[in-house]
Amino acid sequence: MKKVVAIFSLVLLAGVMQTAFAVNSPTVVMELQDELVKITTDELPDAVKQTLASADYQGWAVEEAYHNKTKDHYELKVKKEAETKNLKFSKDGKEIK
């Protein structure tokens, strides 16, 4: 009987040890941060300037402009009266939604 209890204890201990070592380590996910470079409105591509001059954006003034070098598009903070928006445009002047 002592042998049965001893064997049962060893099997139980082995099972506990396996679950103790089966702990998952946290997964680290690295994401590249976009490289934003502040630019003036004069540095915007002509296609973006033409889009901003269209009727869809009439009355909106560019407050800040950034060139996202990682994704090669332009991010603009525009304002019309008390309302502000953040817009993204491709270098072809098309809005990215």
PDB file of N, CA and C in Angstrom:
ATOM      1  N   MET A   1       0.821  -1.189   0.000  1.00  0.00           N
ATOM      2  CA  MET A   1       0.000   0.000   0.000  1.00  0.00           C
ATOM      3  C   MET A   1       0.870   1.260   0.000  1.00  0.00           C
ATOM      4  N   LYS A   2       1.987   1.195   0.729  1.00  0.00           N
ATOM      5  CA  LYS A   2       2.884   2.349   0.771  1.00  0.00           C
ATOM      6  C   LYS A   2       3.440   2.635  -0.621  1.00  0.00           C
ATOM      7  N   LYS A   3       3.711   1.583  -1.394  1.00  0.00           N
ATOM      8  CA  LYS A   3       4.246   1.767  -2.743  1.00  0.00           C
ATOM      9  C   LYS A   3       3.209   2.435  -3.645  1.00  0.00           C
ATOM     10  N   VAL A   4       1.950   2.065  -3.492  1.00  0.00           N
ATOM     11  CA  VAL A   4       0.890   2.651  -4.306  1.00  0.00           C
ATOM     12  C   VAL A   4       0.751   4.137  -3.997  1.00  0.00           C
ATOM     13  N   VAL A   5       0.790   4.506  -2.725  1.00  0.00           N
ATOM     14  CA  VAL A   5       0.692   5.907  -2.322  1.00  0.00           C
ATOM     15  C   VAL A   5       1.909   6.678  -2.824  1.00  0.00           C
ATOM     16  N   ALA A   6       3.091   6.080  -2.737  1.00  0.00           N
ATOM     17  CA  ALA A   6       4.312   6.739  -3.194  1.00  0.00           C
ATOM     18  C   ALA A   6       4.266   6.964  -4.704  1.00  0.00           C
ATOM     19  N   ILE A   7       3.838   5.967  -5.462  1.00  0.00           N
ATOM     20  CA  ILE A   7       3.758   6.095  -6.920  1.00  0.00           C
ATOM     21  C   ILE A   7       2.707   7.140  -7.296  1.00  0.00           C
ATOM     22  N   PHE A   8       1.553   7.096  -6.618  1.00  0.00           N
ATOM     23  CA  PHE A   8       0.502   8.077  -6.877  1.00  0.00           C
ATOM     24  C   PHE A   8       1.003   9.496  -6.597  1.00  0.00           C
ATOM     25  N   SER A   9       1.755   9.656  -5.520  1.00  0.00           N
ATOM     26  CA  SER A   9       2.306  10.968  -5.167  1.00  0.00           C
ATOM     27  C   SER A   9       3.291  11.449  -6.222  1.00  0.00           C
ATOM     28  N   LEU A  10       4.135  10.569  -6.732  1.00  0.00           N
ATOM     29  CA  LEU A  10       5.106  10.939  -7.765  1.00  0.00           C
ATOM     30  C   LEU A  10       4.403  11.343  -9.065  1.00  0.00           C
ATOM     31  N   VAL A  11       3.371  10.587  -9.441  1.00  0.00           N
ATOM     32  CA  VAL A  11       2.631  10.913 -10.662  1.00  0.00           C
ATOM     33  C   VAL A  11       1.942  12.268 -10.511  1.00  0.00           C
ATOM     34  N   LEU A  12       1.347  12.503  -9.353  1.00  0.00           N
ATOM     35  CA  LEU A  12       0.685  13.780  -9.089  1.00  0.00           C
ATOM     36  C   LEU A  12       1.688  14.930  -9.107  1.00  0.00           C
ATOM     37  N   LEU A  13       2.846  14.726  -8.491  1.00  0.00           N
ATOM     38  CA  LEU A  13       3.895  15.744  -8.461  1.00  0.00           C
ATOM     39  C   LEU A  13       4.419  16.027  -9.869  1.00  0.00           C
ATOM     40  N   ALA A  14       4.580  14.986 -10.679  1.00  0.00           N
ATOM     41  CA  ALA A  14       5.055  15.167 -12.053  1.00  0.00           C
ATOM     42  C   ALA A  14       4.045  15.984 -12.861  1.00  0.00           C
ATOM     43  N   GLY A  15       2.762  15.746 -12.654  1.00  0.00           N
ATOM     44  CA  GLY A  15       1.723  16.508 -13.350  1.00  0.00           C
ATOM     45  C   GLY A  15       1.732  17.970 -12.957  1.00  0.00           C
ATOM     46  N   VAL A  16       1.941  18.241 -11.671  1.00  0.00           N
ATOM     47  CA  VAL A  16       2.007  19.620 -11.187  1.00  0.00           C
ATOM     48  C   VAL A  16       3.234  20.317 -11.752  1.00  0.00           C
ATOM     49  N   MET A  17       4.342  19.629 -11.828  1.00  0.00           N
ATOM     50  CA  MET A  17       5.580  20.222 -12.343  1.00  0.00           C
ATOM     51  C   MET A  17       5.443  20.572 -13.827  1.00  0.00           C
ATOM     52  N   GLN A  18       4.748  19.728 -14.592  1.00  0.00           N
ATOM     53  CA  GLN A  18       4.578  20.011 -16.018  1.00  0.00           C
ATOM     54  C   GLN A  18       3.739  21.266 -16.229  1.00  0.00           C
ATOM     55  N   THR A  19       2.685  21.429 -15.462  1.00  0.00           N
ATOM     56  CA  THR A  19       1.871  22.631 -15.632  1.00  0.00           C
ATOM     57  C   THR A  19       2.590  23.864 -15.124  1.00  0.00           C
ATOM     58  N   ALA A  20       3.490  23.707 -14.170  1.00  0.00           N
ATOM     59  CA  ALA A  20       4.244  24.849 -13.664  1.00  0.00           C
ATOM     60  C   ALA A  20       5.205  25.371 -14.728  1.00  0.00           C
ATOM     61  N   PHE A  21       5.740  24.485 -15.556  1.00  0.00           N
ATOM     62  CA  PHE A  21       6.684  24.906 -16.583  1.00  0.00           C
ATOM     63  C   PHE A  21       6.002  25.275 -17.897  1.00  0.00           C
ATOM     64  N   ALA A  22       4.726  25.043 -18.002  1.00  0.00           N
ATOM     65  CA  ALA A  22       4.010  25.333 -19.237  1.00  0.00           C
ATOM     66  C   ALA A  22       3.422  26.738 -19.247  1.00  0.00           C
ATOM     67  N   VAL A  23       4.001  27.644 -18.499  1.00  0.00           N
ATOM     68  CA  VAL A  23       3.519  29.020 -18.440  1.00  0.00           C
ATOM     69  C   VAL A  23       3.891  29.725 -19.738  1.00  0.00           C
ATOM     70  N   ASN A  24       2.933  30.399 -20.326  1.00  0.00           N
ATOM     71  CA  ASN A  24       3.181  31.131 -21.569  1.00  0.00           C
ATOM     72  C   ASN A  24       3.852  32.455 -21.258  1.00  0.00           C
ATOM     73  N   SER A  25       4.901  32.750 -21.988  1.00  0.00           N
ATOM     74  CA  SER A  25       5.549  34.049 -21.824  1.00  0.00           C
ATOM     75  C   SER A  25       4.776  35.066 -22.663  1.00  0.00           C
ATOM     76  N   PRO A  26       4.754  36.313 -22.236  1.00  0.00           N
ATOM     77  CA  PRO A  26       4.007  37.324 -22.993  1.00  0.00           C
ATOM     78  C   PRO A  26       4.632  37.547 -24.367  1.00  0.00           C
ATOM     79  N   THR A  27       3.786  37.792 -25.342  1.00  0.00           N
ATOM     80  CA  THR A  27       4.239  38.033 -26.700  1.00  0.00           C
ATOM     81  C   THR A  27       4.480  39.526 -26.881  1.00  0.00           C
ATOM     82  N   VAL A  28       5.618  39.855 -27.434  1.00  0.00           N
ATOM     83  CA  VAL A  28       5.966  41.249 -27.668  1.00  0.00           C
ATOM     84  C   VAL A  28       5.730  41.551 -29.144  1.00  0.00           C
ATOM     85  N   VAL A  29       4.919  42.559 -29.394  1.00  0.00           N
ATOM     86  CA  VAL A  29       4.635  42.978 -30.761  1.00  0.00           C
ATOM     87  C   VAL A  29       5.240  44.356 -30.950  1.00  0.00           C
ATOM     88  N   MET A  30       6.113  44.456 -31.931  1.00  0.00           N
ATOM     89  CA  MET A  30       6.736  45.744 -32.217  1.00  0.00           C
ATOM     90  C   MET A  30       6.111  46.306 -33.486  1.00  0.00           C
ATOM     91  N   GLU A  31       5.756  47.560 -33.429  1.00  0.00           N
ATOM     92  CA  GLU A  31       5.159  48.228 -34.567  1.00  0.00           C
ATOM     93  C   GLU A  31       5.976  49.480 -34.849  1.00  0.00           C
ATOM     94  N   LEU A  32       6.301  49.675 -36.104  1.00  0.00           N
ATOM     95  CA  LEU A  32       7.063  50.860 -36.465  1.00  0.00           C
ATOM     96  C   LEU A  32       6.182  52.090 -36.347  1.00  0.00           C
ATOM     97  N   GLN A  33       6.728  53.105 -35.743  1.00  0.00           N
ATOM     98  CA  GLN A  33       5.989  54.355 -35.606  1.00  0.00           C
ATOM     99  C   GLN A  33       6.159  55.153 -36.892  1.00  0.00           C
ATOM    100  N   ASP A  34       5.077  55.756 -37.322  1.00  0.00           N
ATOM    101  CA  ASP A  34       5.133  56.552 -38.544  1.00  0.00           C
ATOM    102  C   ASP A  34       6.068  57.741 -38.351  1.00  0.00           C
ATOM    103  N   GLU A  35       6.839  58.016 -39.391  1.00  0.00           N
ATOM    104  CA  GLU A  35       7.769  59.142 -39.340  1.00  0.00           C
ATOM    105  C   GLU A  35       7.075  60.379 -39.916  1.00  0.00           C
ATOM    106  N   LEU A  36       6.593  61.239 -39.026  1.00  0.00           N
ATOM    107  CA  LEU A  36       5.910  62.462 -39.438  1.00  0.00           C
ATOM    108  C   LEU A  36       6.884  63.632 -39.421  1.00  0.00           C
ATOM    109  N   VAL A  37       6.923  64.356 -40.525  1.00  0.00           N
ATOM    110  CA  VAL A  37       7.779  65.530 -40.641  1.00  0.00           C
ATOM    111  C   VAL A  37       6.876  66.734 -40.886  1.00  0.00           C
ATOM    112  N   LYS A  38       6.993  67.730 -40.029  1.00  0.00           N
ATOM    113  CA  LYS A  38       6.165  68.930 -40.180  1.00  0.00           C
ATOM    114  C   LYS A  38       6.658  69.715 -41.388  1.00  0.00           C
ATOM    115  N   ILE A  39       5.700  70.133 -42.215  1.00  0.00           N
ATOM    116  CA  ILE A  39       6.025  70.893 -43.419  1.00  0.00           C
ATOM    117  C   ILE A  39       5.122  72.122 -43.485  1.00  0.00           C
ATOM    118  N   THR A  40       5.467  73.031 -44.380  1.00  0.00           N
ATOM    119  CA  THR A  40       4.611  74.198 -44.607  1.00  0.00           C
ATOM    120  C   THR A  40       3.610  73.855 -45.712  1.00  0.00           C
ATOM    121  N   THR A  41       2.582  74.668 -45.837  1.00  0.00           N
ATOM    122  CA  THR A  41       1.590  74.416 -46.891  1.00  0.00           C
ATOM    123  C   THR A  41       2.199  74.601 -48.282  1.00  0.00           C
ATOM    124  N   ASP A  42       3.254  75.397 -48.377  1.00  0.00           N
ATOM    125  CA  ASP A  42       3.931  75.575 -49.665  1.00  0.00           C
ATOM    126  C   ASP A  42       4.620  74.294 -50.119  1.00  0.00           C
ATOM    127  N   GLU A  43       4.975  73.429 -49.178  1.00  0.00           N
ATOM    128  CA  GLU A  43       5.671  72.184 -49.506  1.00  0.00           C
ATOM    129  C   GLU A  43       4.722  71.049 -49.892  1.00  0.00           C
ATOM    130  N   LEU A  44       3.418  71.289 -49.796  1.00  0.00           N
ATOM    131  CA  LEU A  44       2.447  70.266 -50.195  1.00  0.00           C
ATOM    132  C   LEU A  44       2.506  70.064 -51.707  1.00  0.00           C
ATOM    133  N   PRO A  45       2.275  68.848 -52.182  1.00  0.00           N
ATOM    134  CA  PRO A  45       2.236  68.628 -53.635  1.00  0.00           C
ATOM    135  C   PRO A  45       1.102  69.427 -54.277  1.00  0.00           C
ATOM    136  N   ASP A  46       1.289  69.779 -55.538  1.00  0.00           N
ATOM    137  CA  ASP A  46       0.283  70.575 -56.252  1.00  0.00           C
ATOM    138  C   ASP A  46      -1.073  69.875 -56.274  1.00  0.00           C
ATOM    139  N   ALA A  47      -1.076  68.555 -56.378  1.00  0.00           N
ATOM    140  CA  ALA A  47      -2.341  67.813 -56.418  1.00  0.00           C
ATOM    141  C   ALA A  47      -3.118  67.987 -55.115  1.00  0.00           C
ATOM    142  N   VAL A  48      -2.419  68.002 -53.988  1.00  0.00           N
ATOM    143  CA  VAL A  48      -3.078  68.198 -52.687  1.00  0.00           C
ATOM    144  C   VAL A  48      -3.594  69.632 -52.590  1.00  0.00           C
ATOM    145  N   LYS A  49      -2.803  70.585 -53.060  1.00  0.00           N
ATOM    146  CA  LYS A  49      -3.235  71.988 -53.038  1.00  0.00           C
ATOM    147  C   LYS A  49      -4.493  72.182 -53.887  1.00  0.00           C
ATOM    148  N   GLN A  50      -4.535  71.537 -55.063  1.00  0.00           N
ATOM    149  CA  GLN A  50      -5.709  71.653 -55.933  1.00  0.00           C
ATOM    150  C   GLN A  50      -6.943  71.041 -55.273  1.00  0.00           C
ATOM    151  N   THR A  51      -6.763  69.928 -54.590  1.00  0.00           N
ATOM    152  CA  THR A  51      -7.885  69.290 -53.895  1.00  0.00           C
ATOM    153  C   THR A  51      -8.407  70.199 -52.798  1.00  0.00           C
ATOM    154  N   LEU A  52      -7.501  70.822 -52.053  1.00  0.00           N
ATOM    155  CA  LEU A  52      -7.912  71.728 -50.975  1.00  0.00           C
ATOM    156  C   LEU A  52      -8.602  72.980 -51.513  1.00  0.00           C
ATOM    157  N   ALA A  53      -8.288  73.370 -52.750  1.00  0.00           N
ATOM    158  CA  ALA A  53      -8.905  74.547 -53.360  1.00  0.00           C
ATOM    159  C   ALA A  53     -10.268  74.220 -53.973  1.00  0.00           C
ATOM    160  N   SER A  54     -10.627  72.945 -54.035  1.00  0.00           N
ATOM    161  CA  SER A  54     -11.908  72.552 -54.636  1.00  0.00           C
ATOM    162  C   SER A  54     -13.078  72.940 -53.733  1.00  0.00           C
ATOM    163  N   ALA A  55     -14.279  72.824 -54.271  1.00  0.00           N
ATOM    164  CA  ALA A  55     -15.495  73.217 -53.547  1.00  0.00           C
ATOM    165  C   ALA A  55     -15.724  72.371 -52.293  1.00  0.00           C
ATOM    166  N   ASP A  56     -15.251  71.130 -52.302  1.00  0.00           N
ATOM    167  CA  ASP A  56     -15.449  70.245 -51.139  1.00  0.00           C
ATOM    168  C   ASP A  56     -14.765  70.776 -49.883  1.00  0.00           C
ATOM    169  N   TYR A  57     -13.689  71.514 -50.064  1.00  0.00           N
ATOM    170  CA  TYR A  57     -12.910  72.001 -48.920  1.00  0.00           C
ATOM    171  C   TYR A  57     -12.924  73.530 -48.829  1.00  0.00           C
ATOM    172  N   GLN A  58     -13.894  74.150 -49.464  1.00  0.00           N
ATOM    173  CA  GLN A  58     -13.990  75.610 -49.454  1.00  0.00           C
ATOM    174  C   GLN A  58     -14.241  76.101 -48.028  1.00  0.00           C
ATOM    175  N   GLY A  59     -13.449  77.074 -47.606  1.00  0.00           N
ATOM    176  CA  GLY A  59     -13.591  77.652 -46.271  1.00  0.00           C
ATOM    177  C   GLY A  59     -12.717  76.986 -45.218  1.00  0.00           C
ATOM    178  N   TRP A  60     -12.097  75.866 -45.564  1.00  0.00           N
ATOM    179  CA  TRP A  60     -11.212  75.175 -44.619  1.00  0.00           C
ATOM    180  C   TRP A  60      -9.796  75.717 -44.774  1.00  0.00           C
ATOM    181  N   ALA A  61      -9.168  76.057 -43.659  1.00  0.00           N
ATOM    182  CA  ALA A  61      -7.795  76.576 -43.671  1.00  0.00           C
ATOM    183  C   ALA A  61      -6.870  75.547 -43.028  1.00  0.00           C
ATOM    184  N   VAL A  62      -5.720  75.354 -43.637  1.00  0.00           N
ATOM    185  CA  VAL A  62      -4.737  74.402 -43.108  1.00  0.00           C
ATOM    186  C   VAL A  62      -4.011  75.055 -41.940  1.00  0.00           C
ATOM    187  N   GLU A  63      -4.099  74.429 -40.768  1.00  0.00           N
ATOM    188  CA  GLU A  63      -3.382  74.919 -39.583  1.00  0.00           C
ATOM    189  C   GLU A  63      -2.019  74.255 -39.454  1.00  0.00           C
ATOM    190  N   GLU A  64      -1.968  72.947 -39.691  1.00  0.00           N
ATOM    191  CA  GLU A  64      -0.715  72.198 -39.598  1.00  0.00           C
ATOM    192  C   GLU A  64      -0.675  71.186 -40.730  1.00  0.00           C
ATOM    193  N   ALA A  65       0.528  70.935 -41.236  1.00  0.00           N
ATOM    194  CA  ALA A  65       0.706  69.958 -42.308  1.00  0.00           C
ATOM    195  C   ALA A  65       1.903  69.077 -41.981  1.00  0.00           C
ATOM    196  N   TYR A  66       1.747  67.781 -42.215  1.00  0.00           N
ATOM    197  CA  TYR A  66       2.809  66.811 -41.952  1.00  0.00           C
ATOM    198  C   TYR A  66       2.940  65.878 -43.146  1.00  0.00           C
ATOM    199  N   HIS A  67       4.179  65.491 -43.430  1.00  0.00           N
ATOM    200  CA  HIS A  67       4.440  64.473 -44.442  1.00  0.00           C
ATOM    201  C   HIS A  67       4.770  63.184 -43.704  1.00  0.00           C
ATOM    202  N   ASN A  68       3.962  62.159 -43.915  1.00  0.00           N
ATOM    203  CA  ASN A  68       4.204  60.849 -43.324  1.00  0.00           C
ATOM    204  C   ASN A  68       5.131  60.103 -44.271  1.00  0.00           C
ATOM    205  N   LYS A  69       6.411  60.068 -43.929  1.00  0.00           N
ATOM    206  CA  LYS A  69       7.401  59.461 -44.817  1.00  0.00           C
ATOM    207  C   LYS A  69       7.299  57.943 -44.835  1.00  0.00           C
ATOM    208  N   THR A  70       6.775  57.358 -43.763  1.00  0.00           N
ATOM    209  CA  THR A  70       6.645  55.903 -43.711  1.00  0.00           C
ATOM    210  C   THR A  70       5.600  55.426 -44.716  1.00  0.00           C
ATOM    211  N   LYS A  71       4.463  56.091 -44.755  1.00  0.00           N
ATOM    212  CA  LYS A  71       3.366  55.680 -45.642  1.00  0.00           C
ATOM    213  C   LYS A  71       3.253  56.564 -46.883  1.00  0.00           C
ATOM    214  N   ASP A  72       4.108  57.563 -46.987  1.00  0.00           N
ATOM    215  CA  ASP A  72       4.162  58.493 -48.118  1.00  0.00           C
ATOM    216  C   ASP A  72       2.804  59.134 -48.408  1.00  0.00           C
ATOM    217  N   HIS A  73       2.230  59.751 -47.376  1.00  0.00           N
ATOM    218  CA  HIS A  73       1.032  60.559 -47.564  1.00  0.00           C
ATOM    219  C   HIS A  73       1.133  61.796 -46.680  1.00  0.00           C
ATOM    220  N   TYR A  74       0.137  62.659 -46.777  1.00  0.00           N
ATOM    221  CA  TYR A  74       0.165  63.937 -46.072  1.00  0.00           C
ATOM    222  C   TYR A  74      -0.994  64.002 -45.086  1.00  0.00           C
ATOM    223  N   GLU A  75      -0.696  64.445 -43.874  1.00  0.00           N
ATOM    224  CA  GLU A  75      -1.694  64.571 -42.824  1.00  0.00           C
ATOM    225  C   GLU A  75      -1.853  66.055 -42.505  1.00  0.00           C
ATOM    226  N   LEU A  76      -3.088  66.519 -42.575  1.00  0.00           N
ATOM    227  CA  LEU A  76      -3.365  67.939 -42.395  1.00  0.00           C
ATOM    228  C   LEU A  76      -4.368  68.154 -41.274  1.00  0.00           C
ATOM    229  N   LYS A  77      -4.140  69.206 -40.512  1.00  0.00           N
ATOM    230  CA  LYS A  77      -5.116  69.653 -39.520  1.00  0.00           C
ATOM    231  C   LYS A  77      -5.723  70.911 -40.111  1.00  0.00           C
ATOM    232  N   VAL A  78      -7.023  70.840 -40.393  1.00  0.00           N
ATOM    233  CA  VAL A  78      -7.703  71.968 -41.028  1.00  0.00           C
ATOM    234  C   VAL A  78      -8.784  72.508 -40.102  1.00  0.00           C
ATOM    235  N   LYS A  79      -9.104  73.787 -40.295  1.00  0.00           N
ATOM    236  CA  LYS A  79     -10.078  74.447 -39.421  1.00  0.00           C
ATOM    237  C   LYS A  79     -11.028  75.294 -40.261  1.00  0.00           C
ATOM    238  N   LYS A  80     -12.304  75.237 -39.860  1.00  0.00           N
ATOM    239  CA  LYS A  80     -13.336  76.083 -40.468  1.00  0.00           C
ATOM    240  C   LYS A  80     -14.183  76.597 -39.322  1.00  0.00           C
ATOM    241  N   GLU A  81     -14.042  77.882 -39.044  1.00  0.00           N
ATOM    242  CA  GLU A  81     -14.688  78.524 -37.897  1.00  0.00           C
ATOM    243  C   GLU A  81     -14.258  77.804 -36.613  1.00  0.00           C
ATOM    244  N   ALA A  82     -15.172  77.185 -35.877  1.00  0.00           N
ATOM    245  CA  ALA A  82     -14.803  76.521 -34.617  1.00  0.00           C
ATOM    246  C   ALA A  82     -14.544  75.029 -34.802  1.00  0.00           C
ATOM    247  N   GLU A  83     -14.783  74.516 -35.998  1.00  0.00           N
ATOM    248  CA  GLU A  83     -14.640  73.079 -36.258  1.00  0.00           C
ATOM    249  C   GLU A  83     -13.248  72.768 -36.806  1.00  0.00           C
ATOM    250  N   THR A  84     -12.629  71.709 -36.289  1.00  0.00           N
ATOM    251  CA  THR A  84     -11.332  71.261 -36.801  1.00  0.00           C
ATOM    252  C   THR A  84     -11.449  69.810 -37.242  1.00  0.00           C
ATOM    253  N   LYS A  85     -10.654  69.457 -38.234  1.00  0.00           N
ATOM    254  CA  LYS A  85     -10.618  68.089 -38.759  1.00  0.00           C
ATOM    255  C   LYS A  85      -9.174  67.695 -39.018  1.00  0.00           C
ATOM    256  N   ASN A  86      -8.928  66.398 -38.954  1.00  0.00           N
ATOM    257  CA  ASN A  86      -7.654  65.829 -39.369  1.00  0.00           C
ATOM    258  C   ASN A  86      -7.911  65.065 -40.660  1.00  0.00           C
ATOM    259  N   LEU A  87      -7.218  65.443 -41.709  1.00  0.00           N
ATOM    260  CA  LEU A  87      -7.404  64.824 -43.017  1.00  0.00           C
ATOM    261  C   LEU A  87      -6.101  64.198 -43.482  1.00  0.00           C
ATOM    262  N   LYS A  88      -6.227  63.151 -44.289  1.00  0.00           N
ATOM    263  CA  LYS A  88      -5.058  62.497 -44.884  1.00  0.00           C
ATOM    264  C   LYS A  88      -5.242  62.478 -46.395  1.00  0.00           C
ATOM    265  N   PHE A  89      -4.158  62.806 -47.106  1.00  0.00           N
ATOM    266  CA  PHE A  89      -4.189  62.831 -48.560  1.00  0.00           C
ATOM    267  C   PHE A  89      -2.995  62.064 -49.117  1.00  0.00           C
ATOM    268  N   SER A  90      -3.227  61.375 -50.227  1.00  0.00           N
ATOM    269  CA  SER A  90      -2.120  60.758 -50.944  1.00  0.00           C
ATOM    270  C   SER A  90      -1.396  61.860 -51.706  1.00  0.00           C
ATOM    271  N   LYS A  91      -0.233  61.540 -52.240  1.00  0.00           N
ATOM    272  CA  LYS A  91       0.511  62.558 -52.989  1.00  0.00           C
ATOM    273  C   LYS A  91      -0.199  62.930 -54.287  1.00  0.00           C
ATOM    274  N   ASP A  92      -1.199  62.108 -54.692  1.00  0.00           N
ATOM    275  CA  ASP A  92      -2.000  62.398 -55.881  1.00  0.00           C
ATOM    276  C   ASP A  92      -3.173  63.320 -55.579  1.00  0.00           C
ATOM    277  N   GLY A  93      -3.337  63.706 -54.311  1.00  0.00           N
ATOM    278  CA  GLY A  93      -4.404  64.618 -53.934  1.00  0.00           C
ATOM    279  C   GLY A  93      -5.704  63.941 -53.552  1.00  0.00           C
ATOM    280  N   LYS A  94      -5.705  62.619 -53.455  1.00  0.00           N
ATOM    281  CA  LYS A  94      -6.924  61.897 -53.084  1.00  0.00           C
ATOM    282  C   LYS A  94      -6.974  61.731 -51.572  1.00  0.00           C
ATOM    283  N   GLU A  95      -8.161  62.001 -51.000  1.00  0.00           N
ATOM    284  CA  GLU A  95      -8.310  61.873 -49.549  1.00  0.00           C
ATOM    285  C   GLU A  95      -8.291  60.397 -49.157  1.00  0.00           C
ATOM    286  N   ILE A  96      -7.557  60.115 -48.097  1.00  0.00           N
ATOM    287  CA  ILE A  96      -7.477  58.761 -47.544  1.00  0.00           C
ATOM    288  C   ILE A  96      -8.414  58.715 -46.356  1.00  0.00           C
ATOM    289  N   LYS A  97      -9.347  57.806 -46.394  1.00  0.00           N
ATOM    290  CA  LYS A  97     -10.330  57.722 -45.302  1.00  0.00           C
ATOM    291  C   LYS A  97      -9.983  56.617 -44.351  1.00  0.00           C
TER     292      LYS A  97
END
